[in-house]
Amino acid sequence: MGKFRRAALWVLGILSVLGLFWFLGPIHWNVLNIGNVFGITVCLLILFCVLLSGRIRAVCKRSRAARNTAKAVLVLFCAGLAWAAVLTGLMISGAAAAPPETATVLVLGSKVSGDVPSADLRVRIEAAADYLNAHPKAACVACGGRGRGENRTEAEVIREGLVSLGVDPSRLYLEDRSTSTRENIGNALKIIDQNGLNRTLAIVTDEYHEYRARSIARGCGAAAYAAPARTPWYIFSACWARELLALSAYLLLP
C-alpha cells in the first residue's frame, strides 16, 4: 500500500506541474481569463496537497474530523473530474453535426484587441470564409458588439476579415450590439427574420463552444448545426477550462 501511495503521489505531482505549465502557456499569448486562472488554482492546490501529504496524513491519523474532511475533498475531486469528462464529451458531440446546404451562417464574436482579431476570432473568420466560399448561396450574420479595449465591434472585424478572404459583402449582415453568446444568437435571429433568411443555422465558433451555442439556438426555436473552427493549440487550455465553467453555469443555473 505504501508503494502504491507513493507512486500515486508522484503521478499526481507530475500531472499537476504539467497542468500548471499548460494553463500558464496562454498568458504568453495575452490570454488570461477565468479559465486558466481556474486551472492554475486547481493545479496549485493539487501540488500543495502532494507536497504536504505526509503532514496531512499525520493529522488525519489523529483526528476523525480531519479524516472526514480529507475523504470529502477526495470525493469532490473525483466528482469534479467525472463532471469535466462529461462536459468534454458534450463539447465533442456538439461539434459533430454538419449543417445542411441551405443553412444561414452565424459567426459568433470573440475578443478584438484594438482593431486586431484575437487568435480565437481569427480562426472563426477563416472557418466561416471556407464555409461561405464552399456554399456560395449561403447568407451570413457576423455577431458581436464592442467590448473593453476594442476600437470597433467584433461584427465589423468579422465582416472585414470575411471580405478580405473573398466573401461578397452583399451576403453579410451585422449583429453589432451583443455582449454574450445568448445575445449573439437572439439578436441574430431577429435579423434573420427581418430579412427573410433561413432559420436553420450553421454556427461558426470554436469546437469547444458549439454545444452550448447550439443549445441556446435550439432554445430560441432555431435548428442549429456546427461549422466549427479549430481552436489554436497554444490557447486551448484557457478556452476549454472557461467553457467548462460556462457550460456548468448554463446547465445547472436557471
Protein backbone atom coordinates (compact mmCIF):
# COMPACT_ATOMS: atom_id res chain seq x y z
CA MET A 1 0.00 0.00 0.00
CA GLY A 2 2.87 2.36 0.82
CA LYS A 3 4.47 1.87 -2.59
CA PHE A 4 1.15 2.42 -4.35
CA ARG A 5 0.53 5.62 -2.36
CA ARG A 6 3.98 6.99 -3.18
CA ALA A 7 3.53 6.14 -6.88
CA ALA A 8 0.11 7.82 -6.93
CA LEU A 9 1.55 10.93 -5.28
CA TRP A 10 4.37 11.07 -7.82
CA VAL A 11 1.88 10.79 -10.69
CA LEU A 12 -0.37 13.48 -9.19
CA GLY A 13 2.62 15.75 -8.60
CA ILE A 14 3.92 15.38 -12.14
CA LEU A 15 0.45 15.88 -13.65
CA SER A 16 -0.16 18.98 -11.54
CA VAL A 17 3.15 20.53 -12.65
CA LEU A 18 2.42 19.73 -16.30
CA GLY A 19 -1.08 21.13 -15.88
CA LEU A 20 0.34 24.28 -14.34
CA PHE A 21 2.52 24.90 -17.40
CA TRP A 22 -0.43 24.03 -19.69
CA PHE A 23 -2.63 26.68 -18.10
CA LEU A 24 0.17 29.24 -17.80
CA GLY A 25 1.06 28.92 -21.50
CA PRO A 26 -1.80 31.06 -22.90
CA ILE A 27 -0.62 34.02 -20.82
CA HIS A 28 2.34 34.32 -23.21
CA TRP A 29 -0.24 34.95 -25.95
CA ASN A 30 -2.08 37.58 -23.87
CA VAL A 31 -4.87 35.19 -22.92
CA LEU A 32 -5.68 35.40 -19.23
CA ASN A 33 -9.27 34.62 -18.32
CA ILE A 34 -11.27 32.81 -15.67
CA GLY A 35 -10.46 29.53 -17.44
CA ASN A 36 -6.71 29.48 -16.98
CA VAL A 37 -6.98 31.17 -13.57
CA PHE A 38 -9.25 28.30 -12.51
CA GLY A 39 -6.89 25.71 -13.99
CA ILE A 40 -3.82 27.26 -12.35
CA THR A 41 -5.61 27.35 -9.00
CA VAL A 42 -6.64 23.68 -9.19
CA CYS A 43 -3.13 22.58 -10.18
CA LEU A 44 -1.56 24.58 -7.34
CA LEU A 45 -3.98 23.08 -4.82
CA ILE A 46 -3.19 19.55 -6.00
CA LEU A 47 0.55 20.25 -5.87
CA PHE A 48 0.17 21.74 -2.38
CA CYS A 49 -1.64 18.60 -1.18
CA VAL A 50 1.01 16.34 -2.72
CA LEU A 51 3.90 18.24 -1.13
CA LEU A 52 2.20 18.25 2.28
CA SER A 53 0.77 14.73 2.01
CA GLY A 54 2.89 13.47 4.93
CA ARG A 55 1.62 16.16 7.28
CA ILE A 56 -1.95 15.75 6.05
CA ARG A 57 -1.79 12.01 6.67
CA ALA A 58 -0.39 12.55 10.18
CA VAL A 59 -3.20 14.97 11.05
CA CYS A 60 -5.79 12.54 9.67
CA LYS A 61 -4.45 9.77 11.92
CA ARG A 62 -5.03 11.92 15.00
CA SER A 63 -8.37 13.48 14.08
CA ARG A 64 -11.61 11.93 12.85
CA ALA A 65 -12.81 15.33 11.64
CA ALA A 66 -9.66 15.70 9.54
CA ARG A 67 -10.18 12.21 8.08
CA ASN A 68 -13.77 13.01 7.17
CA THR A 69 -12.70 16.32 5.62
CA ALA A 70 -9.99 14.60 3.58
CA LYS A 71 -12.49 11.98 2.36
CA ALA A 72 -14.98 14.70 1.39
CA VAL A 73 -12.29 16.59 -0.53
CA LEU A 74 -11.28 13.40 -2.34
CA VAL A 75 -14.90 12.64 -3.27
CA LEU A 76 -15.39 16.20 -4.55
CA PHE A 77 -12.17 15.98 -6.56
CA CYS A 78 -13.23 12.70 -8.20
CA ALA A 79 -16.72 14.08 -8.86
CA GLY A 80 -15.16 17.16 -10.45
CA LEU A 81 -13.03 15.02 -12.75
CA ALA A 82 -16.09 12.99 -13.76
CA TRP A 83 -18.12 16.16 -14.38
CA ALA A 84 -15.32 17.64 -16.51
CA ALA A 85 -15.22 14.41 -18.54
CA VAL A 86 -18.99 14.55 -19.12
CA LEU A 87 -18.85 18.20 -20.21
CA THR A 88 -15.91 17.50 -22.51
CA GLY A 89 -17.94 14.71 -24.11
CA LEU A 90 -20.80 17.15 -24.68
CA MET A 91 -18.39 19.65 -26.26
CA ILE A 92 -17.10 16.97 -28.64
CA SER A 93 -20.60 15.84 -29.58
CA GLY A 94 -21.73 19.42 -30.16
CA ALA A 95 -19.13 19.96 -32.88
CA ALA A 96 -20.15 16.88 -34.86
CA ALA A 97 -23.45 17.93 -36.51
CA ALA A 98 -22.78 19.06 -40.10
CA PRO A 99 -25.22 21.71 -41.43
CA PRO A 100 -27.48 21.31 -44.48
CA GLU A 101 -26.67 23.17 -47.68
CA THR A 102 -29.34 25.85 -47.13
CA ALA A 103 -28.25 26.95 -43.65
CA THR A 104 -27.63 30.57 -42.71
CA VAL A 105 -24.16 31.07 -41.25
CA LEU A 106 -23.72 32.68 -37.83
CA VAL A 107 -20.19 33.72 -36.89
CA LEU A 108 -20.01 34.25 -33.14
CA GLY A 109 -17.79 37.03 -31.88
CA SER A 110 -14.70 36.86 -29.71
CA LYS A 111 -12.18 39.34 -28.36
CA VAL A 112 -10.68 42.08 -30.53
CA SER A 113 -7.51 43.86 -29.37
CA GLY A 114 -7.88 47.38 -30.70
CA ASP A 115 -8.62 46.60 -34.33
CA VAL A 116 -6.96 43.17 -34.44
CA PRO A 117 -8.95 39.94 -34.04
CA SER A 118 -7.71 37.60 -31.33
CA ALA A 119 -6.32 34.21 -32.33
CA ASP A 120 -9.66 32.75 -31.30
CA LEU A 121 -11.65 35.10 -33.53
CA ARG A 122 -9.20 34.78 -36.41
CA VAL A 123 -9.78 31.02 -36.74
CA ARG A 124 -13.54 31.61 -36.66
CA ILE A 125 -13.25 34.11 -39.52
CA GLU A 126 -11.13 31.67 -41.53
CA ALA A 127 -13.54 28.78 -40.90
CA ALA A 128 -16.51 30.95 -41.88
CA ALA A 129 -14.79 32.09 -45.08
CA ASP A 130 -14.02 28.49 -46.03
CA TYR A 131 -17.65 27.52 -45.47
CA LEU A 132 -19.10 30.53 -47.30
CA ASN A 133 -16.77 30.11 -50.28
CA ALA A 134 -17.81 26.46 -50.48
CA HIS A 135 -21.52 27.41 -50.20
CA PRO A 136 -21.91 30.49 -52.43
CA LYS A 137 -25.67 30.83 -51.83
CA ALA A 138 -25.44 30.97 -48.04
CA ALA A 139 -26.01 34.26 -46.21
CA CYS A 140 -24.05 35.11 -43.08
CA VAL A 141 -24.65 37.09 -39.90
CA ALA A 142 -21.49 38.36 -38.18
CA CYS A 143 -22.10 38.71 -34.45
CA GLY A 144 -20.52 40.71 -31.65
CA GLY A 145 -20.64 44.15 -30.10
CA ARG A 146 -17.83 46.37 -28.89
CA GLY A 147 -16.16 45.45 -25.62
CA ARG A 148 -13.40 46.88 -23.45
CA GLY A 149 -10.21 47.56 -25.40
CA GLU A 150 -11.96 47.17 -28.76
CA ASN A 151 -11.89 50.08 -31.23
CA ARG A 152 -14.58 48.51 -33.41
CA THR A 153 -17.33 45.99 -32.93
CA GLU A 154 -16.47 42.32 -33.28
CA ALA A 155 -19.09 42.06 -36.04
CA GLU A 156 -17.30 44.74 -38.09
CA VAL A 157 -13.95 42.98 -37.66
CA ILE A 158 -15.52 39.67 -38.73
CA ARG A 159 -17.06 41.31 -41.80
CA GLU A 160 -13.76 42.91 -42.79
CA GLY A 161 -11.96 39.59 -42.41
CA LEU A 162 -14.51 37.70 -44.48
CA VAL A 163 -14.42 40.27 -47.29
CA SER A 164 -10.60 40.09 -47.34
CA LEU A 165 -10.92 36.31 -47.79
CA GLY A 166 -13.15 36.64 -50.84
CA VAL A 167 -16.69 36.69 -49.44
CA ASP A 168 -19.12 39.02 -51.25
CA PRO A 169 -20.16 41.76 -48.77
CA SER A 170 -23.75 41.61 -50.06
CA ARG A 171 -24.07 38.22 -48.34
CA LEU A 172 -23.13 39.63 -44.94
CA TYR A 173 -25.34 41.04 -42.19
CA LEU A 174 -24.11 42.63 -38.96
CA GLU A 175 -25.34 41.99 -35.42
CA ASP A 176 -23.20 44.51 -33.56
CA ARG A 177 -24.84 45.01 -30.16
CA SER A 178 -24.39 41.73 -28.31
CA THR A 179 -22.04 41.00 -25.42
CA SER A 180 -22.72 37.29 -24.84
CA THR A 181 -23.42 34.08 -26.73
CA ARG A 182 -27.11 34.27 -25.82
CA GLU A 183 -27.34 37.84 -27.14
CA ASN A 184 -25.31 36.90 -30.25
CA ILE A 185 -27.87 34.29 -31.20
CA GLY A 186 -31.05 36.06 -30.06
CA ASN A 187 -30.20 39.29 -31.90
CA ALA A 188 -29.00 37.41 -34.99
CA LEU A 189 -32.30 35.53 -35.23
CA LYS A 190 -34.16 38.86 -35.26
CA ILE A 191 -32.00 39.97 -38.22
CA ILE A 192 -32.62 36.63 -39.94
CA ASP A 193 -36.40 37.00 -39.52
CA GLN A 194 -36.39 40.65 -40.66
CA ASN A 195 -34.55 39.72 -43.87
CA GLY A 196 -36.41 36.50 -44.64
CA LEU A 197 -33.33 34.30 -44.22
CA ASN A 198 -33.35 30.62 -43.37
CA ARG A 199 -33.70 29.94 -39.62
CA THR A 200 -31.63 26.78 -40.00
CA LEU A 201 -28.22 27.81 -38.70
CA ALA A 202 -24.62 26.81 -39.36
CA ILE A 203 -22.92 28.19 -36.25
CA VAL A 204 -19.26 29.08 -36.68
CA THR A 205 -17.45 29.10 -33.36
CA ASP A 206 -14.70 27.10 -31.69
CA GLU A 207 -15.30 23.38 -31.34
CA TYR A 208 -15.48 23.56 -27.54
CA HIS A 209 -18.20 26.25 -27.79
CA GLU A 210 -20.52 24.55 -30.28
CA TYR A 211 -22.58 22.50 -27.82
CA ARG A 212 -23.63 25.49 -25.71
CA ALA A 213 -24.16 27.76 -28.73
CA ARG A 214 -26.33 25.18 -30.50
CA SER A 215 -28.31 24.50 -27.32
CA ILE A 216 -29.04 28.21 -26.91
CA ALA A 217 -30.10 28.46 -30.58
CA ARG A 218 -32.44 25.50 -30.23
CA GLY A 219 -33.91 27.14 -27.14
CA CYS A 220 -34.68 30.16 -29.35
CA GLY A 221 -36.58 27.94 -31.79
CA ALA A 222 -33.91 27.55 -34.48
CA ALA A 223 -32.46 24.40 -35.99
CA ALA A 224 -28.74 24.62 -35.23
CA TYR A 225 -25.75 22.80 -36.73
CA ALA A 226 -22.00 23.11 -36.32
CA ALA A 227 -19.39 24.60 -38.64
CA PRO A 228 -16.58 24.53 -36.09
CA ALA A 229 -13.28 26.39 -36.05
CA ARG A 230 -10.17 24.69 -34.68
CA THR A 231 -9.01 26.46 -31.51
CA PRO A 232 -5.28 27.32 -31.64
CA TRP A 233 -3.45 24.73 -29.52
CA TYR A 234 -1.49 27.34 -27.58
CA ILE A 235 -4.62 28.90 -26.02
CA PHE A 236 -6.77 25.77 -25.87
CA SER A 237 -6.33 25.14 -22.13
CA ALA A 238 -7.71 28.55 -21.14
CA CYS A 239 -10.61 28.31 -23.60
CA TRP A 240 -11.54 24.75 -22.60
CA ALA A 241 -11.47 25.48 -18.86
CA ARG A 242 -13.51 28.66 -19.30
CA GLU A 243 -16.10 26.70 -21.27
CA LEU A 244 -16.24 24.07 -18.51
CA LEU A 245 -17.33 26.83 -16.14
CA ALA A 246 -19.69 28.49 -18.64
CA LEU A 247 -21.30 25.20 -19.62
CA SER A 248 -21.70 24.22 -15.96
CA ALA A 249 -23.48 27.51 -15.30
CA TYR A 250 -25.66 27.03 -18.39
CA LEU A 251 -26.72 23.51 -17.38
CA LEU A 252 -27.06 23.98 -13.62
CA LEU A 253 -28.27 27.55 -13.11
CA PRO A 254 -31.74 28.80 -14.13
